[in-house]
């Protein structure tokens, strides 16, 4: 199984990138590719820019990368209760290639934040809109208070209840892969 994992964040020290990488590593026998959305930075989307630029090569490359995966793990950062500007811009450009951006791939949706909310607002937004954009959401999980529940030195969840929930979440991909 080829898993593409990424954080919907442009932070070089993204806690969501750490979470996505760790979560994807829990799938036995999976080949995991960790993507950095900074590699797909484009001008801000607008209809005027689309008329001028067409479909940028980076949007096409991102769409192709999604299509090559068997499953996708996304961990969402939350900025003011919504998607990060970097993710939203990449998504907007890519959705102009095909509204089914995620091409009916099985997807795990995650979110975390330093605070107790665990980026649940953006996670709920992603879950609600998922069917419109070709996501076959297998499971989702919000992890609150990241720094209290994840050890960056060892790249592991330290809370046993959260570890179990994350393993259960990721096992939904394994079950689907075996079906």
N, C-alpha and C. Protein backbone atom coordinates (compact mmCIF):
# COMPACT_ATOMS: atom_id res chain seq x y z
N UNK A 1 0.84 -1.17 0.00
CA UNK A 1 0.00 0.00 0.00
C UNK A 1 0.89 1.23 0.00
N UNK A 2 0.62 2.15 -0.91
CA UNK A 2 1.35 3.42 -0.98
C UNK A 2 0.53 4.51 -0.32
N UNK A 3 1.07 5.07 0.75
CA UNK A 3 0.39 6.12 1.49
C UNK A 3 1.11 7.44 1.28
N UNK A 4 0.35 8.45 0.90
CA UNK A 4 0.85 9.81 0.81
C UNK A 4 0.38 10.54 2.06
N UNK A 5 1.30 11.09 2.83
CA UNK A 5 0.97 11.78 4.08
C UNK A 5 1.47 13.21 4.01
N UNK A 6 0.65 14.14 4.49
CA UNK A 6 1.09 15.53 4.54
C UNK A 6 0.31 16.32 5.56
N UNK A 7 0.90 17.43 5.95
CA UNK A 7 0.25 18.40 6.82
C UNK A 7 -0.34 19.50 5.95
N UNK A 8 -1.52 19.92 6.29
CA UNK A 8 -2.15 21.05 5.60
C UNK A 8 -1.64 22.32 6.27
N UNK A 9 -0.33 22.47 6.24
CA UNK A 9 0.36 23.57 6.91
C UNK A 9 1.66 23.85 6.17
N UNK A 10 2.06 25.10 6.17
CA UNK A 10 3.32 25.46 5.54
C UNK A 10 4.43 25.68 6.56
N UNK A 11 4.15 25.44 7.83
CA UNK A 11 5.16 25.62 8.87
C UNK A 11 6.27 24.60 8.72
N UNK A 12 7.50 25.06 8.78
CA UNK A 12 8.64 24.16 8.68
C UNK A 12 8.75 23.28 9.94
N UNK A 13 8.15 23.72 11.05
CA UNK A 13 8.15 22.96 12.29
C UNK A 13 6.74 22.44 12.61
N UNK A 14 6.01 22.10 11.58
CA UNK A 14 4.61 21.72 11.72
C UNK A 14 4.41 20.50 12.62
N UNK A 15 3.62 20.69 13.67
CA UNK A 15 3.25 19.57 14.51
C UNK A 15 2.31 18.63 13.75
N UNK A 16 1.56 19.17 12.82
CA UNK A 16 0.68 18.33 12.01
C UNK A 16 1.46 17.45 11.04
N UNK A 17 2.61 17.94 10.58
CA UNK A 17 3.47 17.10 9.74
C UNK A 17 4.04 15.95 10.57
N UNK A 18 4.43 16.24 11.79
CA UNK A 18 4.92 15.17 12.68
C UNK A 18 3.83 14.14 12.93
N UNK A 19 2.61 14.61 13.16
CA UNK A 19 1.49 13.70 13.40
C UNK A 19 1.17 12.86 12.16
N UNK A 20 1.12 13.49 11.00
CA UNK A 20 0.81 12.76 9.76
C UNK A 20 1.86 11.68 9.49
N UNK A 21 3.12 12.03 9.66
CA UNK A 21 4.20 11.06 9.42
C UNK A 21 4.11 9.90 10.41
N UNK A 22 3.91 10.20 11.66
CA UNK A 22 3.81 9.16 12.67
C UNK A 22 2.60 8.25 12.40
N UNK A 23 1.46 8.86 12.15
CA UNK A 23 0.24 8.08 11.91
C UNK A 23 0.41 7.15 10.72
N UNK A 24 0.95 7.66 9.63
CA UNK A 24 1.14 6.83 8.43
C UNK A 24 2.10 5.68 8.71
N UNK A 25 3.07 5.90 9.57
CA UNK A 25 4.05 4.84 9.89
C UNK A 25 3.41 3.69 10.66
N UNK A 26 2.22 3.88 11.19
CA UNK A 26 1.54 2.84 11.95
C UNK A 26 0.88 1.79 11.05
N UNK A 27 0.81 2.04 9.76
CA UNK A 27 0.19 1.09 8.84
C UNK A 27 1.25 0.06 8.44
N UNK A 28 1.06 -1.16 8.89
CA UNK A 28 2.03 -2.23 8.64
C UNK A 28 2.27 -2.44 7.15
N UNK A 29 3.54 -2.49 6.79
CA UNK A 29 3.93 -2.80 5.42
C UNK A 29 3.69 -1.71 4.40
N UNK A 30 3.27 -0.55 4.84
CA UNK A 30 2.98 0.53 3.90
C UNK A 30 4.26 1.24 3.45
N UNK A 31 4.24 1.68 2.22
CA UNK A 31 5.28 2.54 1.69
C UNK A 31 4.76 3.97 1.87
N UNK A 32 5.40 4.75 2.74
CA UNK A 32 4.91 6.08 3.08
C UNK A 32 5.77 7.15 2.42
N UNK A 33 5.11 8.07 1.74
CA UNK A 33 5.78 9.25 1.20
C UNK A 33 5.24 10.46 1.95
N UNK A 34 6.15 11.22 2.55
CA UNK A 34 5.77 12.43 3.28
C UNK A 34 5.95 13.63 2.36
N UNK A 35 4.87 14.29 2.07
CA UNK A 35 4.85 15.43 1.15
C UNK A 35 4.89 16.72 1.95
N UNK A 36 5.54 17.73 1.42
CA UNK A 36 5.60 19.06 2.03
C UNK A 36 4.88 20.02 1.09
N UNK A 37 3.79 20.62 1.56
CA UNK A 37 3.03 21.50 0.65
C UNK A 37 3.80 22.76 0.27
N UNK A 38 4.90 23.05 0.97
CA UNK A 38 5.75 24.18 0.56
C UNK A 38 6.35 23.94 -0.82
N UNK A 39 6.44 22.69 -1.23
CA UNK A 39 6.96 22.37 -2.56
C UNK A 39 5.96 22.68 -3.67
N UNK A 40 4.75 23.10 -3.28
CA UNK A 40 3.69 23.38 -4.24
C UNK A 40 3.15 24.81 -4.08
N UNK A 41 4.01 25.72 -3.72
CA UNK A 41 3.59 27.10 -3.49
C UNK A 41 3.34 27.80 -4.83
N UNK A 42 2.16 28.41 -4.93
CA UNK A 42 1.75 29.10 -6.16
C UNK A 42 1.17 30.46 -5.81
N UNK A 43 0.98 31.31 -6.82
CA UNK A 43 0.32 32.59 -6.56
C UNK A 43 -1.07 32.36 -5.98
N UNK A 44 -1.58 33.35 -5.28
CA UNK A 44 -2.93 33.23 -4.75
C UNK A 44 -3.92 33.00 -5.88
N UNK A 45 -4.79 32.03 -5.67
CA UNK A 45 -5.76 31.69 -6.70
C UNK A 45 -6.77 32.83 -6.90
N UNK A 46 -7.09 33.10 -8.14
CA UNK A 46 -8.21 33.95 -8.52
C UNK A 46 -8.57 33.58 -9.95
N UNK A 47 -9.77 33.90 -10.36
CA UNK A 47 -10.17 33.61 -11.74
C UNK A 47 -9.29 34.37 -12.72
N UNK A 48 -8.92 35.59 -12.36
CA UNK A 48 -8.04 36.38 -13.24
C UNK A 48 -6.69 35.67 -13.43
N UNK A 49 -6.12 35.18 -12.33
CA UNK A 49 -4.83 34.48 -12.44
C UNK A 49 -4.99 33.16 -13.20
N UNK A 50 -6.12 32.51 -13.01
CA UNK A 50 -6.35 31.27 -13.75
C UNK A 50 -6.42 31.54 -15.26
N UNK A 51 -7.09 32.61 -15.64
CA UNK A 51 -7.16 32.97 -17.06
C UNK A 51 -5.76 33.30 -17.60
N UNK A 52 -4.95 33.93 -16.78
CA UNK A 52 -3.59 34.31 -17.18
C UNK A 52 -2.64 33.12 -17.21
N UNK A 53 -2.70 32.26 -16.17
CA UNK A 53 -1.72 31.19 -16.00
C UNK A 53 -2.18 29.82 -16.46
N UNK A 54 -3.49 29.64 -16.59
CA UNK A 54 -4.00 28.30 -16.86
C UNK A 54 -3.90 27.46 -15.60
N UNK A 55 -3.59 26.19 -15.78
CA UNK A 55 -3.43 25.30 -14.64
C UNK A 55 -1.93 25.14 -14.36
N UNK A 56 -1.44 25.73 -13.29
CA UNK A 56 -0.01 25.68 -13.00
C UNK A 56 0.53 24.25 -12.90
N UNK A 57 1.75 24.08 -13.33
CA UNK A 57 2.40 22.76 -13.29
C UNK A 57 2.43 22.20 -11.87
N UNK A 58 2.58 23.06 -10.87
CA UNK A 58 2.62 22.57 -9.49
C UNK A 58 1.27 22.00 -9.06
N UNK A 59 0.18 22.60 -9.48
CA UNK A 59 -1.15 22.06 -9.17
C UNK A 59 -1.33 20.72 -9.87
N UNK A 60 -0.87 20.63 -11.10
CA UNK A 60 -0.96 19.38 -11.84
C UNK A 60 -0.10 18.30 -11.17
N UNK A 61 1.08 18.66 -10.70
CA UNK A 61 1.96 17.71 -10.02
C UNK A 61 1.34 17.21 -8.71
N UNK A 62 0.72 18.11 -7.96
CA UNK A 62 0.06 17.73 -6.72
C UNK A 62 -1.10 16.77 -7.01
N UNK A 63 -1.90 17.09 -8.00
CA UNK A 63 -3.02 16.24 -8.38
C UNK A 63 -2.52 14.84 -8.79
N UNK A 64 -1.45 14.80 -9.55
CA UNK A 64 -0.87 13.53 -9.99
C UNK A 64 -0.37 12.74 -8.79
N UNK A 65 0.28 13.42 -7.86
CA UNK A 65 0.82 12.77 -6.66
C UNK A 65 -0.32 12.13 -5.86
N UNK A 66 -1.44 12.85 -5.71
CA UNK A 66 -2.60 12.29 -5.01
C UNK A 66 -3.11 11.05 -5.74
N UNK A 67 -3.14 11.11 -7.05
CA UNK A 67 -3.65 10.01 -7.86
C UNK A 67 -2.80 8.76 -7.79
N UNK A 68 -1.53 8.92 -7.52
CA UNK A 68 -0.61 7.78 -7.46
C UNK A 68 -0.68 7.02 -6.14
N UNK A 69 -1.28 7.63 -5.13
CA UNK A 69 -1.36 7.01 -3.81
C UNK A 69 -2.54 6.04 -3.72
N UNK A 70 -2.37 5.04 -2.86
CA UNK A 70 -3.49 4.15 -2.55
C UNK A 70 -4.34 4.75 -1.44
N UNK A 71 -3.70 5.50 -0.57
CA UNK A 71 -4.38 6.13 0.55
C UNK A 71 -3.65 7.42 0.90
N UNK A 72 -4.39 8.32 1.54
CA UNK A 72 -3.85 9.64 1.87
C UNK A 72 -4.13 9.93 3.35
N UNK A 73 -3.12 10.44 4.03
CA UNK A 73 -3.25 10.88 5.42
C UNK A 73 -2.98 12.38 5.43
N UNK A 74 -3.97 13.14 5.88
CA UNK A 74 -3.83 14.60 5.98
C UNK A 74 -4.03 15.00 7.43
N UNK A 75 -3.13 15.82 7.94
CA UNK A 75 -3.30 16.39 9.27
C UNK A 75 -3.43 17.90 9.12
N UNK A 76 -4.55 18.41 9.57
CA UNK A 76 -4.90 19.82 9.37
C UNK A 76 -4.47 20.70 10.53
N UNK A 77 -3.74 21.76 10.19
CA UNK A 77 -3.51 22.85 11.12
C UNK A 77 -4.72 23.77 11.03
N UNK A 78 -4.99 24.46 12.10
CA UNK A 78 -6.15 25.36 12.11
C UNK A 78 -5.69 26.79 12.31
N UNK A 79 -6.06 27.64 11.38
CA UNK A 79 -5.78 29.08 11.49
C UNK A 79 -7.11 29.81 11.61
N UNK A 80 -7.34 30.41 12.74
CA UNK A 80 -8.57 31.15 12.98
C UNK A 80 -9.81 30.33 12.66
N UNK A 81 -9.78 29.05 13.04
CA UNK A 81 -10.94 28.18 12.88
C UNK A 81 -11.10 27.59 11.48
N UNK A 82 -10.13 27.78 10.61
CA UNK A 82 -10.27 27.31 9.24
C UNK A 82 -8.96 26.72 8.73
N UNK A 83 -8.98 26.38 7.42
CA UNK A 83 -7.77 25.87 6.77
C UNK A 83 -6.67 26.93 6.77
N UNK A 84 -5.43 26.48 6.70
CA UNK A 84 -4.33 27.42 6.51
C UNK A 84 -4.44 28.00 5.10
N UNK A 85 -3.93 29.19 4.92
CA UNK A 85 -3.96 29.84 3.60
C UNK A 85 -3.17 29.01 2.58
N UNK A 86 -2.06 28.43 3.00
CA UNK A 86 -1.22 27.64 2.09
C UNK A 86 -1.98 26.43 1.56
N UNK A 87 -2.66 25.70 2.45
CA UNK A 87 -3.42 24.53 2.01
C UNK A 87 -4.60 24.96 1.13
N UNK A 88 -5.32 25.96 1.56
CA UNK A 88 -6.51 26.39 0.82
C UNK A 88 -6.13 26.83 -0.59
N UNK A 89 -5.03 27.52 -0.74
CA UNK A 89 -4.59 27.96 -2.06
C UNK A 89 -4.23 26.78 -2.95
N UNK A 90 -3.48 25.82 -2.40
CA UNK A 90 -3.12 24.63 -3.16
C UNK A 90 -4.38 23.85 -3.55
N UNK A 91 -5.28 23.71 -2.61
CA UNK A 91 -6.54 23.01 -2.88
C UNK A 91 -7.35 23.72 -3.97
N UNK A 92 -7.45 25.06 -3.87
CA UNK A 92 -8.23 25.81 -4.86
C UNK A 92 -7.68 25.63 -6.26
N UNK A 93 -6.36 25.74 -6.42
CA UNK A 93 -5.76 25.55 -7.74
C UNK A 93 -6.02 24.13 -8.25
N UNK A 94 -5.83 23.15 -7.38
CA UNK A 94 -5.98 21.76 -7.79
C UNK A 94 -7.43 21.42 -8.12
N UNK A 95 -8.36 22.02 -7.41
CA UNK A 95 -9.79 21.74 -7.68
C UNK A 95 -10.22 22.24 -9.05
N UNK A 96 -9.46 23.11 -9.65
CA UNK A 96 -9.79 23.59 -11.00
C UNK A 96 -9.38 22.57 -12.06
N UNK A 97 -8.50 21.66 -11.70
CA UNK A 97 -8.13 20.55 -12.59
C UNK A 97 -9.26 19.53 -12.57
N UNK A 98 -9.71 19.20 -11.34
CA UNK A 98 -10.78 18.22 -11.15
C UNK A 98 -11.39 18.50 -9.78
N UNK A 99 -12.69 18.73 -9.73
CA UNK A 99 -13.36 19.00 -8.46
C UNK A 99 -13.17 17.83 -7.48
N UNK A 100 -12.99 16.63 -8.00
CA UNK A 100 -12.74 15.45 -7.17
C UNK A 100 -11.23 15.35 -6.92
N UNK A 101 -10.69 16.36 -6.27
CA UNK A 101 -9.26 16.51 -6.03
C UNK A 101 -8.63 15.22 -5.51
N UNK A 102 -9.31 14.55 -4.61
CA UNK A 102 -8.75 13.37 -3.95
C UNK A 102 -9.07 12.06 -4.67
N UNK A 103 -9.73 12.14 -5.80
CA UNK A 103 -9.87 11.04 -6.76
C UNK A 103 -10.40 9.76 -6.13
N UNK A 104 -11.31 9.92 -5.18
CA UNK A 104 -11.97 8.79 -4.50
C UNK A 104 -10.99 7.87 -3.77
N UNK A 105 -9.87 8.42 -3.34
CA UNK A 105 -8.89 7.67 -2.56
C UNK A 105 -9.39 7.55 -1.13
N UNK A 106 -8.98 6.47 -0.46
CA UNK A 106 -9.28 6.35 0.97
C UNK A 106 -8.40 7.35 1.71
N UNK A 107 -9.02 8.05 2.64
CA UNK A 107 -8.34 9.15 3.33
C UNK A 107 -8.57 9.05 4.83
N UNK A 108 -7.52 9.34 5.57
CA UNK A 108 -7.59 9.52 7.02
C UNK A 108 -7.40 11.01 7.27
N UNK A 109 -8.31 11.60 8.01
CA UNK A 109 -8.23 13.02 8.36
C UNK A 109 -7.83 13.16 9.82
N UNK A 110 -6.78 13.90 10.05
CA UNK A 110 -6.28 14.16 11.39
C UNK A 110 -6.18 15.66 11.61
N UNK A 111 -6.07 16.04 12.86
CA UNK A 111 -5.81 17.45 13.20
C UNK A 111 -5.24 17.49 14.61
N UNK A 112 -4.38 18.46 14.83
CA UNK A 112 -3.87 18.69 16.18
C UNK A 112 -3.54 20.16 16.33
N UNK A 113 -3.40 20.57 17.57
CA UNK A 113 -3.00 21.93 17.90
C UNK A 113 -2.35 21.91 19.27
N UNK A 114 -1.65 22.98 19.62
CA UNK A 114 -1.05 23.03 20.96
C UNK A 114 -2.11 23.09 22.06
N UNK A 115 -3.30 23.58 21.75
CA UNK A 115 -4.34 23.76 22.75
C UNK A 115 -5.31 22.60 22.85
N UNK A 116 -6.24 22.70 23.79
CA UNK A 116 -7.16 21.60 24.07
C UNK A 116 -8.20 21.35 22.98
N UNK A 117 -8.36 22.29 22.05
CA UNK A 117 -9.35 22.12 20.99
C UNK A 117 -8.93 21.13 19.92
N UNK A 118 -7.63 20.90 19.78
CA UNK A 118 -7.13 19.91 18.83
C UNK A 118 -7.50 20.19 17.38
N UNK A 119 -7.77 21.46 17.04
CA UNK A 119 -8.12 21.85 15.66
C UNK A 119 -9.39 21.15 15.17
N UNK A 120 -10.30 20.89 16.09
CA UNK A 120 -11.55 20.20 15.74
C UNK A 120 -12.41 20.98 14.76
N UNK A 121 -12.37 22.28 14.79
CA UNK A 121 -13.21 23.08 13.89
C UNK A 121 -12.83 22.83 12.43
N UNK A 122 -11.55 22.90 12.12
CA UNK A 122 -11.12 22.67 10.74
C UNK A 122 -11.31 21.21 10.36
N UNK A 123 -11.11 20.31 11.30
CA UNK A 123 -11.32 18.88 11.02
C UNK A 123 -12.78 18.63 10.65
N UNK A 124 -13.69 19.23 11.39
CA UNK A 124 -15.12 19.08 11.07
C UNK A 124 -15.45 19.67 9.70
N UNK A 125 -14.83 20.79 9.37
CA UNK A 125 -15.04 21.38 8.04
C UNK A 125 -14.55 20.41 6.96
N UNK A 126 -13.39 19.84 7.16
CA UNK A 126 -12.83 18.89 6.17
C UNK A 126 -13.73 17.67 6.03
N UNK A 127 -14.22 17.13 7.14
CA UNK A 127 -15.10 15.95 7.09
C UNK A 127 -16.40 16.26 6.36
N UNK A 128 -16.96 17.43 6.61
CA UNK A 128 -18.23 17.81 6.00
C UNK A 128 -18.11 17.97 4.50
N UNK A 129 -17.01 18.55 4.05
CA UNK A 129 -16.86 18.81 2.62
C UNK A 129 -16.23 17.65 1.85
N UNK A 130 -15.69 16.67 2.55
CA UNK A 130 -14.96 15.56 1.93
C UNK A 130 -15.67 14.89 0.75
N UNK A 131 -16.94 14.55 0.86
CA UNK A 131 -17.59 13.84 -0.26
C UNK A 131 -17.63 14.64 -1.56
N UNK A 132 -17.64 15.94 -1.46
CA UNK A 132 -17.70 16.78 -2.66
C UNK A 132 -16.38 16.80 -3.42
N UNK A 133 -15.31 16.42 -2.73
CA UNK A 133 -13.98 16.53 -3.33
C UNK A 133 -13.30 15.18 -3.51
N UNK A 134 -14.10 14.12 -3.54
CA UNK A 134 -13.58 12.80 -3.86
C UNK A 134 -12.76 12.15 -2.76
N UNK A 135 -13.10 12.44 -1.51
CA UNK A 135 -12.43 11.77 -0.39
C UNK A 135 -13.30 10.62 0.09
N UNK A 136 -12.72 9.45 0.18
CA UNK A 136 -13.38 8.31 0.81
C UNK A 136 -12.83 8.25 2.23
N UNK A 137 -13.44 9.03 3.12
CA UNK A 137 -12.92 9.17 4.49
C UNK A 137 -13.19 7.88 5.27
N UNK A 138 -12.10 7.25 5.68
CA UNK A 138 -12.19 6.01 6.46
C UNK A 138 -12.29 6.29 7.94
N UNK A 139 -11.66 7.35 8.40
CA UNK A 139 -11.70 7.71 9.82
C UNK A 139 -11.10 9.09 9.99
N UNK A 140 -11.38 9.67 11.17
CA UNK A 140 -10.78 10.96 11.49
C UNK A 140 -10.52 11.01 12.99
N UNK A 141 -9.57 11.87 13.36
CA UNK A 141 -9.21 11.98 14.77
C UNK A 141 -8.57 13.33 15.02
N UNK A 142 -9.00 13.96 16.10
CA UNK A 142 -8.40 15.20 16.57
C UNK A 142 -7.58 14.87 17.82
N UNK A 143 -6.37 15.40 17.87
CA UNK A 143 -5.51 15.18 19.03
C UNK A 143 -5.27 16.52 19.72
N UNK A 144 -5.80 16.67 20.92
CA UNK A 144 -5.65 17.94 21.64
C UNK A 144 -4.27 18.07 22.27
N UNK A 145 -3.92 19.27 22.64
CA UNK A 145 -2.72 19.56 23.45
C UNK A 145 -1.51 18.75 22.98
N UNK A 146 -1.13 18.99 21.74
CA UNK A 146 -0.09 18.19 21.08
C UNK A 146 1.15 18.00 21.94
N UNK A 147 1.67 19.07 22.48
CA UNK A 147 2.95 18.98 23.20
C UNK A 147 2.83 18.19 24.50
N UNK A 148 1.62 18.03 25.01
CA UNK A 148 1.40 17.21 26.21
C UNK A 148 1.23 15.73 25.85
N UNK A 149 0.97 15.45 24.58
CA UNK A 149 0.62 14.09 24.17
C UNK A 149 1.53 13.48 23.10
N UNK A 150 2.57 14.21 22.71
CA UNK A 150 3.47 13.73 21.65
C UNK A 150 4.89 14.14 22.02
N UNK A 151 5.80 13.22 21.90
CA UNK A 151 7.21 13.49 22.19
C UNK A 151 7.93 13.70 20.86
N UNK A 152 8.32 14.93 20.58
CA UNK A 152 8.99 15.24 19.31
C UNK A 152 10.38 14.61 19.22
N UNK A 153 11.02 14.35 20.34
CA UNK A 153 12.36 13.74 20.32
C UNK A 153 12.30 12.30 19.82
N UNK A 154 11.25 11.59 20.19
CA UNK A 154 11.10 10.19 19.76
C UNK A 154 10.06 10.04 18.65
N UNK A 155 9.37 11.13 18.32
CA UNK A 155 8.30 11.10 17.31
C UNK A 155 7.26 10.04 17.64
N UNK A 156 6.72 10.11 18.85
CA UNK A 156 5.72 9.14 19.29
C UNK A 156 4.66 9.80 20.15
N UNK A 157 3.45 9.28 20.07
CA UNK A 157 2.39 9.68 20.98
C UNK A 157 2.73 9.12 22.35
N UNK A 158 2.55 9.93 23.39
CA UNK A 158 2.90 9.50 24.75
C UNK A 158 1.68 9.16 25.60
N UNK A 159 0.50 9.54 25.16
CA UNK A 159 -0.73 9.26 25.89
C UNK A 159 -1.31 7.94 25.38
N UNK A 160 -1.47 6.96 26.27
CA UNK A 160 -1.90 5.62 25.84
C UNK A 160 -3.30 5.61 25.24
N UNK A 161 -4.21 6.44 25.76
CA UNK A 161 -5.56 6.49 25.19
C UNK A 161 -5.53 7.07 23.77
N UNK A 162 -4.74 8.10 23.57
CA UNK A 162 -4.62 8.70 22.24
C UNK A 162 -3.90 7.74 21.30
N UNK A 163 -2.89 7.04 21.79
CA UNK A 163 -2.18 6.06 20.98
C UNK A 163 -3.15 4.97 20.49
N UNK A 164 -3.99 4.49 21.37
CA UNK A 164 -4.97 3.47 20.99
C UNK A 164 -5.95 4.03 19.95
N UNK A 165 -6.44 5.24 20.19
CA UNK A 165 -7.37 5.86 19.23
C UNK A 165 -6.71 6.06 17.87
N UNK A 166 -5.45 6.44 17.87
CA UNK A 166 -4.74 6.65 16.60
C UNK A 166 -4.50 5.32 15.89
N UNK A 167 -4.14 4.29 16.63
CA UNK A 167 -3.97 2.97 16.02
C UNK A 167 -5.29 2.46 15.45
N UNK A 168 -6.39 2.66 16.18
CA UNK A 168 -7.71 2.26 15.68
C UNK A 168 -8.06 3.03 14.41
N UNK A 169 -7.75 4.32 14.40
CA UNK A 169 -8.00 5.16 13.23
C UNK A 169 -7.23 4.65 12.02
N UNK A 170 -5.96 4.40 12.22
CA UNK A 170 -5.12 3.97 11.10
C UNK A 170 -5.44 2.54 10.66
N UNK A 171 -5.95 1.73 11.56
CA UNK A 171 -6.28 0.35 11.20
C UNK A 171 -7.43 0.30 10.20
N UNK A 172 -8.20 1.35 10.09
CA UNK A 172 -9.28 1.38 9.09
C UNK A 172 -8.71 1.32 7.68
N UNK A 173 -7.50 1.83 7.47
CA UNK A 173 -6.84 1.70 6.17
C UNK A 173 -6.38 0.27 5.95
N UNK A 174 -5.82 -0.32 6.96
CA UNK A 174 -5.34 -1.70 6.84
C UNK A 174 -6.50 -2.63 6.51
N UNK A 175 -7.62 -2.46 7.20
CA UNK A 175 -8.77 -3.31 6.95
C UNK A 175 -9.26 -3.14 5.51
N UNK A 176 -9.29 -1.91 5.05
CA UNK A 176 -9.75 -1.64 3.69
C UNK A 176 -8.78 -2.23 2.67
N UNK A 177 -7.50 -2.13 2.96
CA UNK A 177 -6.49 -2.65 2.04
C UNK A 177 -6.59 -4.16 1.90
N UNK A 178 -6.99 -4.83 2.95
CA UNK A 178 -7.09 -6.28 2.92
C UNK A 178 -8.41 -6.76 2.32
N UNK A 179 -9.39 -5.88 2.24
CA UNK A 179 -10.71 -6.27 1.76
C UNK A 179 -10.69 -6.58 0.27
